[in-house]
């Protein structure tokens, strides 16, 4: 895989994450589609943990053992998004620092593909909360 292809995939999934959370009301960060699904707050915490796991795998060469133990410093949605974006940028920087296919695959697996899975869940939740929400916004499209 080329670095430019990995960067494109990561840029696209990152854009989708930013769009699915954009404009989410504070009271909706605790909403769930079903009792067994994650709330937006849990998703952003989980995606941040995925970024930390990717950074760890890339920089340490071992699997992350902190699954389920990661806490976030922030207490507001804005602070959670800032922390997520910082952790994500750090993981991507480490993974694309050199042309290493194993590092690129870690980023694709733990960030891009995982983010896409949760974006789909959150799109459905957003439409449940607000049927007029523009689901095409994750592709940069207006209605």
C-alpha atoms as a PDB file:
ATOM      1  CA  UNK A   1       0.000   0.000   0.000  1.00  0.00           C
ATOM      2  CA  UNK A   2       1.266   3.458  -0.756  1.00  0.00           C
ATOM      3  CA  UNK A   3       1.467   6.219   1.811  1.00  0.00           C
ATOM      4  CA  UNK A   4      -0.695   8.426  -0.404  1.00  0.00           C
ATOM      5  CA  UNK A   5      -3.441   5.793  -0.550  1.00  0.00           C
ATOM      6  CA  UNK A   6      -3.299   5.259   3.222  1.00  0.00           C
ATOM      7  CA  UNK A   7      -3.469   9.017   3.781  1.00  0.00           C
ATOM      8  CA  UNK A   8      -6.475   9.332   1.453  1.00  0.00           C
ATOM      9  CA  UNK A   9      -8.383   6.577   3.254  1.00  0.00           C
ATOM     10  CA  UNK A  10      -7.542   8.086   6.641  1.00  0.00           C
ATOM     11  CA  UNK A  11      -8.508  11.588   5.517  1.00  0.00           C
ATOM     12  CA  UNK A  12     -11.863  10.315   4.243  1.00  0.00           C
ATOM     13  CA  UNK A  13     -12.707   8.348   7.383  1.00  0.00           C
ATOM     14  CA  UNK A  14     -11.601  11.253   9.575  1.00  0.00           C
ATOM     15  CA  UNK A  15     -13.875  13.595   7.639  1.00  0.00           C
ATOM     16  CA  UNK A  16     -16.804  11.212   8.123  1.00  0.00           C
ATOM     17  CA  UNK A  17     -16.158  11.041  11.865  1.00  0.00           C
ATOM     18  CA  UNK A  18     -16.078  14.827  12.129  1.00  0.00           C
ATOM     19  CA  UNK A  19     -19.306  15.153  10.154  1.00  0.00           C
ATOM     20  CA  UNK A  20     -21.277  12.515  12.046  1.00  0.00           C
ATOM     21  CA  UNK A  21     -20.520  14.308  15.331  1.00  0.00           C
ATOM     22  CA  UNK A  22     -20.916  17.860  13.949  1.00  0.00           C
ATOM     23  CA  UNK A  23     -23.901  19.657  15.402  1.00  0.00           C
ATOM     24  CA  UNK A  24     -24.838  16.843  17.779  1.00  0.00           C
ATOM     25  CA  UNK A  25     -26.663  18.453  20.684  1.00  0.00           C
ATOM     26  CA  UNK A  26     -25.154  18.029  24.149  1.00  0.00           C
ATOM     27  CA  UNK A  27     -28.191  16.087  25.370  1.00  0.00           C
ATOM     28  CA  UNK A  28     -27.833  13.590  22.496  1.00  0.00           C
ATOM     29  CA  UNK A  29     -24.334  12.399  23.410  1.00  0.00           C
ATOM     30  CA  UNK A  30     -25.912   9.830  25.765  1.00  0.00           C
ATOM     31  CA  UNK A  31     -28.504   8.508  23.282  1.00  0.00           C
ATOM     32  CA  UNK A  32     -28.426   4.911  22.050  1.00  0.00           C
ATOM     33  CA  UNK A  33     -30.091   3.120  19.162  1.00  0.00           C
ATOM     34  CA  UNK A  34     -30.517   0.052  21.361  1.00  0.00           C
ATOM     35  CA  UNK A  35     -29.476  -0.708  24.922  1.00  0.00           C
ATOM     36  CA  UNK A  36     -26.638  -2.856  23.533  1.00  0.00           C
ATOM     37  CA  UNK A  37     -25.135  -0.129  21.313  1.00  0.00           C
ATOM     38  CA  UNK A  38     -22.707   2.627  22.226  1.00  0.00           C
ATOM     39  CA  UNK A  39     -23.739   6.213  22.790  1.00  0.00           C
ATOM     40  CA  UNK A  40     -21.881   8.936  20.859  1.00  0.00           C
ATOM     41  CA  UNK A  41     -19.894   9.656  24.028  1.00  0.00           C
ATOM     42  CA  UNK A  42     -18.868   6.013  24.290  1.00  0.00           C
ATOM     43  CA  UNK A  43     -18.013   5.903  20.587  1.00  0.00           C
ATOM     44  CA  UNK A  44     -15.680   8.919  20.720  1.00  0.00           C
ATOM     45  CA  UNK A  45     -13.994   7.501  23.825  1.00  0.00           C
ATOM     46  CA  UNK A  46     -13.626   4.141  22.076  1.00  0.00           C
ATOM     47  CA  UNK A  47     -12.267   5.678  18.867  1.00  0.00           C
ATOM     48  CA  UNK A  48      -9.752   7.628  20.947  1.00  0.00           C
ATOM     49  CA  UNK A  49      -8.691   4.365  22.545  1.00  0.00           C
ATOM     50  CA  UNK A  50      -8.277   2.864  19.058  1.00  0.00           C
ATOM     51  CA  UNK A  51      -5.938   5.738  18.184  1.00  0.00           C
ATOM     52  CA  UNK A  52      -3.917   5.087  21.322  1.00  0.00           C
ATOM     53  CA  UNK A  53      -3.780   1.374  20.466  1.00  0.00           C
ATOM     54  CA  UNK A  54      -2.561   2.154  16.945  1.00  0.00           C
ATOM     55  CA  UNK A  55       0.124   4.519  18.262  1.00  0.00           C
ATOM     56  CA  UNK A  56       1.240   1.890  20.754  1.00  0.00           C
ATOM     57  CA  UNK A  57       1.431  -0.874  18.139  1.00  0.00           C
ATOM     58  CA  UNK A  58       3.359   1.382  15.745  1.00  0.00           C
ATOM     59  CA  UNK A  59       5.809   2.879  18.246  1.00  0.00           C
ATOM     60  CA  UNK A  60       6.238  -0.052  20.652  1.00  0.00           C
ATOM     61  CA  UNK A  61       5.748  -2.972  18.278  1.00  0.00           C
ATOM     62  CA  UNK A  62       3.445  -4.731  20.729  1.00  0.00           C
ATOM     63  CA  UNK A  63      -0.281  -4.996  21.201  1.00  0.00           C
ATOM     64  CA  UNK A  64      -2.063  -2.431  23.327  1.00  0.00           C
ATOM     65  CA  UNK A  65      -3.101  -3.782  26.722  1.00  0.00           C
ATOM     66  CA  UNK A  66      -5.166  -0.774  27.793  1.00  0.00           C
ATOM     67  CA  UNK A  67      -8.425  -1.768  26.079  1.00  0.00           C
ATOM     68  CA  UNK A  68     -11.343  -0.664  28.228  1.00  0.00           C
ATOM     69  CA  UNK A  69      -9.071   1.207  30.623  1.00  0.00           C
ATOM     70  CA  UNK A  70      -8.566   4.436  28.691  1.00  0.00           C
ATOM     71  CA  UNK A  71     -10.028   7.571  30.210  1.00  0.00           C
ATOM     72  CA  UNK A  72     -10.354  10.951  28.598  1.00  0.00           C
ATOM     73  CA  UNK A  73      -9.220  14.152  30.243  1.00  0.00           C
ATOM     74  CA  UNK A  74     -12.074  16.254  28.881  1.00  0.00           C
ATOM     75  CA  UNK A  75     -15.571  16.515  30.271  1.00  0.00           C
ATOM     76  CA  UNK A  76     -17.406  18.119  27.341  1.00  0.00           C
ATOM     77  CA  UNK A  77     -18.089  16.983  23.772  1.00  0.00           C
ATOM     78  CA  UNK A  78     -15.782  19.703  22.463  1.00  0.00           C
ATOM     79  CA  UNK A  79     -12.946  18.520  24.708  1.00  0.00           C
ATOM     80  CA  UNK A  80     -13.549  14.864  23.728  1.00  0.00           C
ATOM     81  CA  UNK A  81     -13.371  15.762  20.040  1.00  0.00           C
ATOM     82  CA  UNK A  82     -10.162  17.757  20.597  1.00  0.00           C
ATOM     83  CA  UNK A  83      -8.570  14.835  22.426  1.00  0.00           C
ATOM     84  CA  UNK A  84      -9.710  12.373  19.769  1.00  0.00           C
ATOM     85  CA  UNK A  85      -8.319  14.560  16.982  1.00  0.00           C
ATOM     86  CA  UNK A  86      -4.995  14.980  18.797  1.00  0.00           C
ATOM     87  CA  UNK A  87      -4.644  11.229  19.450  1.00  0.00           C
ATOM     88  CA  UNK A  88      -5.636  10.457  15.883  1.00  0.00           C
ATOM     89  CA  UNK A  89      -3.117  12.945  14.459  1.00  0.00           C
ATOM     90  CA  UNK A  90      -0.386  11.448  16.640  1.00  0.00           C
ATOM     91  CA  UNK A  91      -1.176   7.894  15.470  1.00  0.00           C
ATOM     92  CA  UNK A  92      -1.256   8.938  11.820  1.00  0.00           C
ATOM     93  CA  UNK A  93       1.987  10.871  12.125  1.00  0.00           C
ATOM     94  CA  UNK A  94       3.716   7.858  13.685  1.00  0.00           C
ATOM     95  CA  UNK A  95       2.241   5.448  11.154  1.00  0.00           C
ATOM     96  CA  UNK A  96       3.087   7.483   8.072  1.00  0.00           C
ATOM     97  CA  UNK A  97       6.477   8.731   9.254  1.00  0.00           C
ATOM     98  CA  UNK A  98       8.180   6.146   7.087  1.00  0.00           C
ATOM     99  CA  UNK A  99       6.969   3.989   4.222  1.00  0.00           C
ATOM    100  CA  UNK A 100       6.124   0.941   6.339  1.00  0.00           C
ATOM    101  CA  UNK A 101       3.241  -1.190   5.087  1.00  0.00           C
ATOM    102  CA  UNK A 102       2.708  -2.829   8.482  1.00  0.00           C
ATOM    103  CA  UNK A 103       2.230   0.582  10.100  1.00  0.00           C
ATOM    104  CA  UNK A 104      -0.086   1.674   7.306  1.00  0.00           C
ATOM    105  CA  UNK A 105      -2.189  -1.464   7.770  1.00  0.00           C
ATOM    106  CA  UNK A 106      -2.410  -0.771  11.514  1.00  0.00           C
ATOM    107  CA  UNK A 107      -3.821   2.669  10.717  1.00  0.00           C
ATOM    108  CA  UNK A 108      -6.280   1.260   8.201  1.00  0.00           C
ATOM    109  CA  UNK A 109      -7.434  -1.506  10.569  1.00  0.00           C
ATOM    110  CA  UNK A 110      -7.629   0.388  13.866  1.00  0.00           C
ATOM    111  CA  UNK A 111      -8.622   3.804  12.537  1.00  0.00           C
ATOM    112  CA  UNK A 112     -10.199   3.944   9.067  1.00  0.00           C
ATOM    113  CA  UNK A 113     -12.121   0.658   8.997  1.00  0.00           C
ATOM    114  CA  UNK A 114     -13.116   0.883  12.626  1.00  0.00           C
ATOM    115  CA  UNK A 115     -14.237   4.487  12.235  1.00  0.00           C
ATOM    116  CA  UNK A 116     -16.367   3.571   9.217  1.00  0.00           C
ATOM    117  CA  UNK A 117     -18.160   0.922  11.276  1.00  0.00           C
ATOM    118  CA  UNK A 118     -19.059   3.409  13.999  1.00  0.00           C
ATOM    119  CA  UNK A 119     -19.936   6.192  11.536  1.00  0.00           C
ATOM    120  CA  UNK A 120     -22.612   3.889  10.126  1.00  0.00           C
ATOM    121  CA  UNK A 121     -24.056   3.293  13.581  1.00  0.00           C
ATOM    122  CA  UNK A 122     -24.019   6.979  14.409  1.00  0.00           C
ATOM    123  CA  UNK A 123     -25.656   7.935  11.095  1.00  0.00           C
ATOM    124  CA  UNK A 124     -28.588   5.728  12.010  1.00  0.00           C
ATOM    125  CA  UNK A 125     -28.727   7.238  15.497  1.00  0.00           C
ATOM    126  CA  UNK A 126     -28.577  10.776  14.082  1.00  0.00           C
ATOM    127  CA  UNK A 127     -31.504   9.992  11.772  1.00  0.00           C
ATOM    128  CA  UNK A 128     -33.458   8.519  14.673  1.00  0.00           C
ATOM    129  CA  UNK A 129     -32.867  11.669  16.741  1.00  0.00           C
ATOM    130  CA  UNK A 130     -33.419  14.063  13.838  1.00  0.00           C
ATOM    131  CA  UNK A 131     -35.001  12.653  10.650  1.00  0.00           C
ATOM    132  CA  UNK A 132     -33.983  15.855   8.830  1.00  0.00           C
ATOM    133  CA  UNK A 133     -30.276  15.405   9.571  1.00  0.00           C
ATOM    134  CA  UNK A 134     -28.273  15.433   6.334  1.00  0.00           C
ATOM    135  CA  UNK A 135     -26.726  11.956   6.213  1.00  0.00           C
ATOM    136  CA  UNK A 136     -24.951  12.919   2.972  1.00  0.00           C
ATOM    137  CA  UNK A 137     -22.840  15.355   4.978  1.00  0.00           C
ATOM    138  CA  UNK A 138     -20.411  12.511   5.738  1.00  0.00           C
ATOM    139  CA  UNK A 139     -19.520  12.642   2.025  1.00  0.00           C
ATOM    140  CA  UNK A 140     -19.302  16.438   1.961  1.00  0.00           C
ATOM    141  CA  UNK A 141     -22.609  16.719   0.129  1.00  0.00           C
ATOM    142  CA  UNK A 142     -25.532  18.950   0.838  1.00  0.00           C
ATOM    143  CA  UNK A 143     -29.060  17.754   0.293  1.00  0.00           C
END
